[in-house]
Amino acid sequence: MTSYPPEPWDLHGHAYVGTWLVPLADLPAPHSPATRPVTLFGRGIVGAAFFVYERPSPLTYNEIMSTVLVRQGWRVRVSITHIWVDSEASRDGGRDLWAIPKQLAGFDVVTHRSYIARGIGSVALRRVRRLPRALPAGFAIAQDQHGSLLVSPVTGRMRFGVASARWSFADDGPLAFLHGRKPLLTLAIRPFRMLFGRRRPGS
């Protein structure tokens, strides 16, 4: 018996997302070898994000992740290379349903002010300017599942903004490839509603 809900997960909450251009020599490999990094000026495009999933989400928890923008042929996807949560149910569901390599970590959160994943990284917020309304948004996650490419859709509505923020990553931690690098941009996504995964027949 599983401890997590079936897909899709109807997720609600907020997030802060930073983007970096990282030299290919330091770029994490995409989770699936069936994809290739999207490059810009000889660098890969990396995202790091703190997500907070709130009610009425089926599971409520904190999350930090690192992603690489990739392509499957000419189709652009998101590859989740590193990710931690503070929920065992989310960890197990992410691994089983979508081949997302979730691990467990401890978090300290002061909502809309500071987000810390212990031993991994943090972000401190200063100012946020948001658009007046939520917009439709969608993308696809591309992960390796037992040697095969698994593509999972994410759709929803998100209210975007631009944040002034200070990111920090442990120089001896798992996201050390971002240590000392300044992001190009930090996006605020507050609030969001995302449908993560596919609807199954009869669901």
Protein backbone atom coordinates (compact mmCIF):
# COMPACT_ATOMS: atom_id res chain seq x y z
CA MET A 1 0.00 0.00 0.00
CA THR A 2 1.44 3.38 -1.00
CA SER A 3 1.62 6.35 1.37
CA TYR A 4 1.11 8.95 -1.36
CA PRO A 5 -1.83 9.95 -3.58
CA PRO A 6 -2.12 8.78 -7.20
CA GLU A 7 -1.22 11.16 -10.00
CA PRO A 8 -1.99 13.81 -10.91
CA TRP A 9 -1.24 15.83 -7.80
CA ASP A 10 -3.24 19.05 -7.53
CA LEU A 11 -0.59 21.27 -5.92
CA HIS A 12 -1.04 24.73 -4.40
CA GLY A 13 1.52 27.05 -2.87
CA HIS A 14 4.33 29.47 -3.70
CA ALA A 15 7.90 29.32 -4.95
CA TYR A 16 11.07 31.32 -5.59
CA VAL A 17 13.14 30.31 -8.61
CA GLY A 18 16.64 31.47 -9.53
CA THR A 19 18.27 30.96 -12.93
CA TRP A 20 21.98 30.67 -13.72
CA LEU A 21 24.22 30.16 -16.74
CA VAL A 22 26.75 27.49 -15.76
CA PRO A 23 29.84 26.47 -17.77
CA LEU A 24 29.39 23.05 -19.34
CA ALA A 25 32.36 21.70 -17.38
CA ASP A 26 30.44 22.35 -14.13
CA LEU A 27 26.96 21.51 -15.40
CA PRO A 28 25.21 18.54 -13.78
CA ALA A 29 24.35 15.80 -16.25
CA PRO A 30 20.67 15.62 -17.23
CA HIS A 31 18.80 12.95 -15.33
CA SER A 32 18.07 11.10 -18.58
CA PRO A 33 20.80 10.44 -21.17
CA ALA A 34 18.04 10.62 -23.81
CA THR A 35 18.10 14.41 -23.41
CA ARG A 36 20.76 17.06 -24.05
CA PRO A 37 21.36 20.37 -22.25
CA VAL A 38 20.07 23.54 -23.88
CA THR A 39 23.08 25.84 -24.18
CA LEU A 40 23.46 29.60 -24.41
CA PHE A 41 26.86 31.11 -25.16
CA GLY A 42 28.44 27.77 -24.35
CA ARG A 43 26.74 27.49 -20.97
CA GLY A 44 23.89 25.42 -19.61
CA ILE A 45 20.74 26.90 -18.07
CA VAL A 46 20.27 25.87 -14.44
CA GLY A 47 17.36 26.63 -12.16
CA ALA A 48 17.29 26.35 -8.38
CA ALA A 49 14.02 26.74 -6.53
CA PHE A 50 12.36 26.62 -3.16
CA PHE A 51 8.77 25.40 -3.30
CA VAL A 52 6.26 25.42 -0.46
CA TYR A 53 3.20 23.22 -1.04
CA GLU A 54 0.25 24.39 1.02
CA ARG A 55 -3.36 23.36 1.56
CA PRO A 56 -5.44 22.20 -0.26
CA SER A 57 -2.54 20.24 -1.81
CA PRO A 58 -2.85 16.49 -1.17
CA LEU A 59 0.52 16.69 0.63
CA THR A 60 1.98 19.78 2.33
CA TYR A 61 5.78 20.11 2.51
CA ASN A 62 8.88 22.15 1.69
CA GLU A 63 11.18 21.47 -1.25
CA ILE A 64 14.44 22.63 -2.81
CA MET A 65 15.48 21.49 -6.27
CA SER A 66 18.02 22.06 -8.99
CA THR A 67 17.11 21.61 -12.65
CA VAL A 68 18.78 21.74 -16.04
CA LEU A 69 16.95 22.93 -19.14
CA VAL A 70 17.22 20.16 -21.74
CA ARG A 71 15.92 19.20 -25.14
CA GLN A 72 14.45 15.97 -26.41
CA GLY A 73 15.10 16.43 -30.10
CA TRP A 74 13.75 19.97 -30.55
CA ARG A 75 11.32 19.77 -27.65
CA VAL A 76 12.39 21.67 -24.56
CA ARG A 77 12.04 19.86 -21.23
CA VAL A 78 13.07 20.31 -17.61
CA SER A 79 15.40 17.75 -16.04
CA ILE A 80 15.35 17.55 -12.23
CA THR A 81 18.89 16.60 -11.22
CA HIS A 82 18.82 17.28 -7.47
CA ILE A 83 15.85 17.59 -5.12
CA TRP A 84 15.06 17.38 -1.39
CA VAL A 85 11.79 17.47 0.55
CA ASP A 86 10.74 17.15 4.18
CA SER A 87 7.96 14.64 3.49
CA GLU A 88 8.52 10.89 3.17
CA ALA A 89 5.26 10.53 1.21
CA SER A 90 6.39 13.16 -1.30
CA ARG A 91 9.81 11.52 -1.59
CA ASP A 92 8.32 8.10 -2.28
CA GLY A 93 5.65 9.39 -4.66
CA GLY A 94 8.11 11.50 -6.63
CA ARG A 95 10.42 8.54 -7.12
CA ASP A 96 7.74 5.99 -7.97
CA LEU A 97 5.43 8.08 -10.15
CA TRP A 98 7.81 10.37 -12.06
CA ALA A 99 11.37 9.10 -11.45
CA ILE A 100 12.23 12.31 -9.60
CA PRO A 101 15.25 11.56 -7.33
CA LYS A 102 13.83 13.07 -4.14
CA GLN A 103 15.77 12.85 -0.90
CA LEU A 104 14.97 14.09 2.60
CA ALA A 105 16.33 17.30 4.17
CA GLY A 106 15.54 19.70 6.97
CA PHE A 107 14.15 23.17 6.26
CA ASP A 108 13.83 26.47 8.09
CA VAL A 109 11.26 28.77 6.47
CA VAL A 110 10.10 32.29 7.24
CA THR A 111 7.41 32.70 4.60
CA HIS A 112 8.26 35.25 1.89
CA ARG A 113 11.41 36.25 3.77
CA SER A 114 13.92 33.41 3.98
CA TYR A 115 14.16 29.76 2.98
CA ILE A 116 16.92 27.42 4.17
CA ALA A 117 17.57 23.80 3.27
CA ARG A 118 20.11 22.75 5.88
CA GLY A 119 23.51 21.90 4.43
CA ILE A 120 22.32 22.63 0.88
CA GLY A 121 21.38 26.26 0.23
CA SER A 122 19.25 29.26 1.08
CA VAL A 123 17.54 32.32 -0.35
CA ALA A 124 16.75 35.59 1.42
CA LEU A 125 14.11 37.86 -0.15
CA ARG A 126 14.22 41.65 -0.22
CA ARG A 127 11.58 42.98 -2.62
CA VAL A 128 9.07 41.33 -4.94
CA ARG A 129 7.14 42.92 -7.78
CA ARG A 130 4.28 40.78 -9.05
CA LEU A 131 2.05 40.79 -12.08
CA PRO A 132 -1.57 41.77 -11.34
CA ARG A 133 -3.06 38.36 -12.14
CA ALA A 134 -2.23 34.68 -12.53
CA LEU A 135 -1.41 33.33 -15.97
CA PRO A 136 -1.67 29.85 -17.49
CA ALA A 137 1.64 28.00 -17.58
CA GLY A 138 2.89 24.56 -18.50
CA PHE A 139 6.04 22.54 -19.04
CA ALA A 140 7.21 18.92 -19.09
CA ILE A 141 9.61 17.05 -16.82
CA ALA A 142 12.00 14.57 -18.50
CA GLN A 143 13.48 11.88 -16.23
CA ASP A 144 15.16 8.50 -16.60
CA GLN A 145 13.04 5.61 -15.38
CA HIS A 146 14.90 2.29 -15.45
CA GLY A 147 16.72 3.20 -18.67
CA SER A 148 13.71 4.73 -20.46
CA LEU A 149 12.74 8.37 -20.85
CA LEU A 150 9.68 9.34 -18.82
CA VAL A 151 8.05 12.67 -19.75
CA SER A 152 5.49 14.04 -17.30
CA PRO A 153 3.32 17.13 -17.94
CA VAL A 154 2.83 20.00 -15.51
CA THR A 155 0.03 22.50 -16.16
CA GLY A 156 -1.61 25.20 -14.11
CA ARG A 157 -1.97 28.87 -13.31
CA MET A 158 0.75 30.95 -11.72
CA ARG A 159 1.12 34.55 -10.62
CA PHE A 160 4.65 35.59 -11.55
CA GLY A 161 6.87 38.32 -10.22
CA VAL A 162 10.50 39.39 -10.06
CA ALA A 163 12.30 39.25 -6.73
CA SER A 164 15.40 40.90 -5.34
CA ALA A 165 17.08 38.04 -3.52
CA ARG A 166 20.35 36.72 -2.13
CA TRP A 167 21.09 33.07 -2.87
CA SER A 168 23.73 31.03 -1.06
CA PHE A 169 24.91 27.44 -1.50
CA ALA A 170 27.23 25.40 0.68
CA ASP A 171 30.66 25.18 -0.94
CA ASP A 172 30.96 21.55 0.20
CA GLY A 173 27.31 20.66 -0.40
CA PRO A 174 25.49 18.88 -3.23
CA LEU A 175 24.75 22.16 -5.07
CA ALA A 176 28.32 23.45 -4.78
CA PHE A 177 28.37 24.04 -8.55
CA LEU A 178 26.22 27.12 -7.80
CA HIS A 179 28.35 28.36 -4.90
CA GLY A 180 29.52 31.94 -5.45
CA ARG A 181 27.57 32.37 -8.68
CA LYS A 182 25.07 35.20 -9.12
CA PRO A 183 21.71 34.37 -10.68
CA LEU A 184 20.52 36.08 -13.82
CA LEU A 185 17.04 36.44 -12.37
CA THR A 186 14.91 35.38 -9.43
CA LEU A 187 11.25 34.73 -10.13
CA ALA A 188 8.53 34.79 -7.52
CA ILE A 189 5.60 32.45 -8.18
CA ARG A 190 2.94 33.26 -5.60
CA PRO A 191 0.49 31.76 -5.64
CA PHE A 192 0.45 28.80 -8.01
CA ARG A 193 -1.84 25.91 -8.74
CA MET A 194 -0.21 23.04 -10.63
CA LEU A 195 -1.56 19.74 -11.87
CA PHE A 196 1.51 17.49 -11.78
CA GLY A 197 1.37 14.29 -13.82
CA ARG A 198 -1.13 12.56 -16.07
CA ARG A 199 -4.77 11.69 -15.50
CA ARG A 200 -5.24 7.96 -15.61
CA PRO A 201 -8.35 6.25 -17.04
CA GLY A 202 -11.06 6.17 -14.43
CA SER A 203 -9.39 8.80 -12.23
